Amino acid sequence: MIKGKVGMMVNPSINTVYTAIFFSPVIFFWKDYYTTVCFKIALGIAICSFFLPNRFYTFLQLSDSKSFYKKIGIPIFQQITQQGKFANRMITYFGGNVLLLPKEKRFKQLKG
C-alpha cells in the first residue's frame, strides 16, 4: 500500500509510459495496414475476453512453479513495474511514504 499523493501519481504514470511505449507501434502499424472494420472486430474480441470463465485463464497459465518464472526473468521485470523497487524509490525520492505489506497480505491481494 502506498500513502500520499506522490504514491498515487507514480503508479499510474508508470502505466501510462509503458502503454505509450509498447502500444504505439501497434497503432502505427494498424493505421497503415488495416481498416476500421478490422479494428472494430479486434476490439470486440478484446472486450469478449472479459466474459471468459476463470478456468480458461487457468488453462493458459504457463506454470504453477515459482522457479519457472524466475528462470524467464519475471522478478527483474517486477522491479520496474507498479509497487516494484523502482516505483518505491521514486515515491520516497519525491517525498512520499511507502508502506510495505507483509508477504501474506500481498499474496492475498494478488490472488483476489
Protein backbone atom coordinates (compact mmCIF):
# COMPACT_ATOMS: atom_id res chain seq x y z
CA MET A 1 0.00 0.00 0.00
CA ILE A 2 1.29 3.47 -0.76
CA LYS A 3 0.40 6.56 1.21
CA GLY A 4 0.31 10.12 -0.05
CA LYS A 5 -0.31 11.97 -3.28
CA VAL A 6 3.10 11.07 -4.68
CA GLY A 7 2.34 7.37 -4.46
CA MET A 8 -0.99 7.89 -6.14
CA MET A 9 0.74 9.58 -9.09
CA VAL A 10 3.77 7.32 -9.59
CA ASN A 11 1.97 4.05 -10.35
CA PRO A 12 -0.47 5.47 -12.94
CA SER A 13 2.44 7.35 -14.52
CA ILE A 14 4.34 4.09 -14.92
CA ASN A 15 1.29 2.52 -16.57
CA THR A 16 0.90 5.46 -18.94
CA VAL A 17 4.53 5.40 -20.03
CA TYR A 18 4.55 1.63 -20.59
CA THR A 19 1.30 1.79 -22.52
CA ALA A 20 2.57 4.58 -24.75
CA ILE A 21 5.87 2.83 -25.42
CA PHE A 22 4.58 -0.66 -26.08
CA PHE A 23 1.25 0.13 -27.76
CA SER A 24 2.33 2.93 -30.13
CA PRO A 25 3.89 0.55 -32.70
CA VAL A 26 0.60 -1.34 -32.83
CA ILE A 27 -1.30 1.87 -33.56
CA PHE A 28 1.16 2.96 -36.26
CA PHE A 29 1.05 -0.46 -37.90
CA TRP A 30 -2.74 -0.60 -37.71
CA LYS A 31 -3.11 2.88 -39.20
CA ASP A 32 -1.04 1.95 -42.24
CA TYR A 33 -2.22 -1.58 -42.98
CA TYR A 34 -5.74 -2.17 -41.66
CA THR A 35 -9.21 -0.67 -41.85
CA THR A 36 -11.65 0.43 -39.18
CA VAL A 37 -13.72 -2.72 -39.70
CA CYS A 38 -10.75 -4.87 -38.65
CA PHE A 39 -10.21 -2.56 -35.69
CA LYS A 40 -13.81 -2.95 -34.56
CA ILE A 41 -13.61 -6.74 -34.85
CA ALA A 42 -10.37 -6.85 -32.84
CA LEU A 43 -11.85 -4.53 -30.22
CA GLY A 44 -14.93 -6.76 -29.96
CA ILE A 45 -12.75 -9.83 -29.42
CA ALA A 46 -10.77 -7.98 -26.74
CA ILE A 47 -13.94 -6.96 -24.92
CA CYS A 48 -15.27 -10.53 -25.07
CA SER A 49 -12.20 -11.68 -23.12
CA PHE A 50 -13.74 -10.09 -20.01
CA PHE A 51 -16.56 -12.60 -20.12
CA LEU A 52 -14.50 -15.80 -20.38
CA PRO A 53 -14.56 -18.10 -17.34
CA ASN A 54 -11.68 -18.22 -14.87
CA ARG A 55 -10.76 -21.79 -15.80
CA PHE A 56 -9.92 -20.60 -19.33
CA TYR A 57 -7.18 -18.37 -17.93
CA THR A 58 -6.03 -21.13 -15.56
CA PHE A 59 -5.63 -23.37 -18.61
CA LEU A 60 -3.49 -20.73 -20.34
CA GLN A 61 -1.18 -20.27 -17.34
CA LEU A 62 2.34 -21.33 -18.25
CA SER A 63 3.32 -22.92 -14.95
CA ASP A 64 2.41 -23.23 -11.27
CA SER A 65 6.08 -23.27 -10.32
CA LYS A 66 7.72 -20.14 -8.94
CA SER A 67 11.12 -21.30 -10.23
CA PHE A 68 9.81 -21.31 -13.81
CA TYR A 69 9.02 -17.62 -13.63
CA LYS A 70 12.38 -16.88 -12.01
CA LYS A 71 14.13 -18.64 -14.92
CA ILE A 72 12.40 -16.47 -17.52
CA GLY A 73 13.26 -13.24 -15.67
CA ILE A 74 9.94 -12.14 -14.19
CA PRO A 75 11.48 -10.89 -10.89
CA ILE A 76 13.71 -8.50 -12.85
CA PHE A 77 10.71 -7.12 -14.73
CA GLN A 78 8.72 -6.78 -11.49
CA GLN A 79 11.30 -4.35 -10.13
CA ILE A 80 10.34 -1.71 -12.72
CA THR A 81 6.56 -2.15 -12.58
CA GLN A 82 3.91 -0.93 -10.13
CA GLN A 83 4.78 -1.50 -6.48
CA GLY A 84 8.28 -2.51 -7.58
CA LYS A 85 11.63 -1.34 -6.28
CA PHE A 86 11.95 1.43 -8.89
CA ALA A 87 8.48 2.86 -8.17
CA ASN A 88 9.03 2.77 -4.42
CA ARG A 89 12.36 4.61 -4.80
CA MET A 90 10.68 7.30 -6.91
CA ILE A 91 7.94 7.71 -4.33
CA THR A 92 10.39 8.13 -1.45
CA TYR A 93 12.61 10.44 -3.55
CA PHE A 94 9.70 12.80 -4.17
CA GLY A 95 8.73 12.83 -0.50
CA GLY A 96 6.07 10.15 -0.35
CA ASN A 97 5.76 7.32 2.13
CA VAL A 98 5.86 3.68 1.08
CA LEU A 99 4.05 1.25 3.36
CA LEU A 100 5.07 -2.31 2.58
CA LEU A 101 2.55 -5.03 3.28
CA PRO A 102 3.57 -8.35 4.83
CA LYS A 103 4.08 -11.18 2.30
CA GLU A 104 0.83 -12.92 3.25
CA LYS A 105 -1.27 -9.80 2.60
CA ARG A 106 0.48 -9.13 -0.71
CA PHE A 107 -0.19 -12.72 -1.77
CA LYS A 108 -3.87 -12.43 -0.85
CA GLN A 109 -4.06 -9.14 -2.75
CA LEU A 110 -2.58 -10.76 -5.87
CA LYS A 111 -4.87 -13.79 -5.67
CA GLY A 112 -8.08 -11.98 -5.14
